[in-house]
Protein backbone atom coordinates (compact mmCIF):
# COMPACT_ATOMS: atom_id res chain seq x y z
CA GLN A 1 -0.83 -0.17 -0.15
CA ALA A 2 2.90 1.84 0.99
CA LYS A 3 4.40 1.70 -3.03
CA ALA A 4 0.76 3.15 -4.48
CA ASP A 5 0.69 5.74 -2.45
CA GLN A 6 4.36 7.37 -3.43
CA ALA A 7 3.09 6.09 -7.18
CA VAL A 8 0.36 8.34 -6.54
CA ARG A 9 2.06 11.01 -5.23
CA LEU A 10 4.40 11.35 -7.92
CA LEU A 11 2.08 10.87 -10.52
CA GLU A 12 0.13 14.11 -8.74
CA ALA A 13 3.02 15.85 -8.67
CA LEU A 14 4.27 15.61 -12.54
CA LYS A 15 0.94 16.14 -12.87
CA GLU A 16 1.27 19.27 -10.63
CA GLN A 17 4.63 20.42 -12.57
CA GLN A 18 2.89 19.24 -15.94
CA ALA A 19 0.81 21.98 -14.94
CA SER A 20 2.39 24.94 -14.19
CA GLN A 21 4.80 24.35 -16.97
CA SER A 22 1.47 24.57 -19.49
CA ALA A 23 2.34 27.93 -20.83
CA LEU A 24 6.00 27.58 -21.41
CA PRO A 25 7.81 25.86 -23.68
CA VAL A 26 9.18 22.23 -22.96
CA VAL A 27 12.72 22.30 -23.19
CA PRO A 28 13.82 18.57 -23.14
CA ALA A 29 16.08 17.62 -20.27
CA PRO A 30 20.06 17.03 -20.85
CA SER A 31 21.25 13.42 -20.46
CA VAL A 32 23.78 13.05 -17.51
CA PRO A 33 26.49 9.75 -18.38
CA VAL A 34 26.27 7.58 -15.78
CA ALA A 35 29.48 7.69 -15.11
CA ALA A 36 28.68 11.40 -13.88
CA ALA A 37 26.86 9.90 -10.74
CA SER A 38 29.12 10.14 -7.97
CA VAL A 39 30.26 5.90 -5.99
CA THR A 40 32.44 6.39 -3.31
CA PRO A 41 35.26 3.94 -3.38
CA ALA A 42 33.81 2.05 -0.18
CA ALA A 43 30.47 1.61 -1.42
CA LEU A 44 32.09 -0.37 -4.36
CA SER A 45 33.64 -2.73 -2.21
CA ALA A 46 30.91 -3.19 0.21
CA ALA A 47 28.29 -6.12 0.44
CA PRO A 48 24.92 -4.12 -0.22
CA THR A 49 22.77 -5.32 2.83
CA ARG A 50 19.62 -7.50 1.77
CA GLU A 51 17.64 -4.21 2.69
CA GLU A 52 19.85 -2.31 0.54
CA LEU A 53 18.73 -4.72 -2.26
CA GLU A 54 15.17 -4.95 -1.53
CA GLN A 55 14.76 -0.72 -1.94
CA ALA A 56 17.07 -0.35 -4.98
CA LYS A 57 14.20 -2.27 -6.73
CA LYS A 58 10.93 -0.54 -4.90
CA ASP A 59 12.57 2.71 -6.35
CA MET A 60 13.84 0.98 -9.80
CA ASN A 61 10.34 -0.66 -10.38
CA LEU A 62 8.92 3.23 -9.40
CA LEU A 63 10.69 4.64 -11.39
CA VAL A 64 9.59 2.05 -14.13
CA TRP A 65 6.36 2.52 -14.04
CA ALA A 66 6.06 6.39 -13.53
CA ALA A 67 8.10 6.79 -16.67
CA LYS A 68 5.25 4.26 -18.15
CA THR A 69 2.61 6.07 -17.07
CA ALA A 70 3.77 9.13 -18.17
CA ALA A 71 4.57 8.51 -21.65
CA GLU A 72 1.47 6.91 -21.25
CA LYS A 73 -0.42 9.94 -20.74
CA GLY A 74 1.86 11.81 -23.06
CA LEU A 75 3.28 14.08 -20.17
CA PRO A 76 6.32 16.42 -21.43
CA GLN A 77 8.51 14.68 -18.48
CA ALA A 78 8.18 11.18 -19.54
CA THR A 79 11.82 11.49 -21.66
CA MET A 80 13.52 12.81 -18.38
CA MET A 81 11.68 10.49 -16.68
CA LYS A 82 12.62 7.56 -18.37
CA ALA A 83 16.35 8.40 -18.21
CA LYS A 84 16.48 8.60 -14.21
CA ALA A 85 14.51 4.88 -15.17
CA ASP A 86 17.19 4.21 -17.01
CA ALA A 87 20.01 5.06 -14.85
CA LYS A 88 18.17 3.62 -11.55
CA ALA A 89 18.25 0.37 -13.39
CA LEU A 90 21.58 0.36 -14.25
CA GLU A 91 22.21 1.28 -10.51
CA TYR A 92 20.14 -1.67 -9.64
CA GLU A 93 22.40 -4.34 -11.98
CA ARG A 94 25.16 -2.73 -10.21
CA ILE A 95 24.22 -3.57 -7.02
CA VAL A 96 23.07 -6.59 -7.75
CA GLU A 97 26.33 -8.03 -9.38
CA ARG A 98 28.68 -6.40 -6.21
CA SER A 99 25.66 -8.30 -4.46
CA ASP A 100 26.85 -11.56 -6.36
CA SER A 101 30.46 -11.01 -6.75
CA VAL A 102 30.71 -10.40 -3.17
CA ARG A 103 29.27 -13.34 -1.88
CA HIS A 104 30.87 -15.57 -4.44
C-alpha cells in the first residue's frame, strides 16, 4: 500500500509540474552520463545488505512505472522520467552484480 501511495504522489507531482509548465515551452532535459554519478570506493567494495537490494529494486520499479505512466499520458516529463528509470535500472544491476561478486 505504501508503494502505491508513493506512486500516486509521484504521478500527482508530475501532473502539477505539467500544469505549471503548460505555458512554458518544453525543453528536453539534458542527458547526464551515468558515469557522472559519484560513487565512493567504499560503496563499491562493501556487499549490499538485503534491505539495500530490496529498496533499490523498489525504487527502480517505481521509476519504471512512473516513466511508463508519464509516457502513456503524454506528459512532457516522460523523457526525463525514462532517463531516471534507466539510470536506476543500471544502478540496481550494479548492486546485484556487486552482491553476487562479494558472495562468490
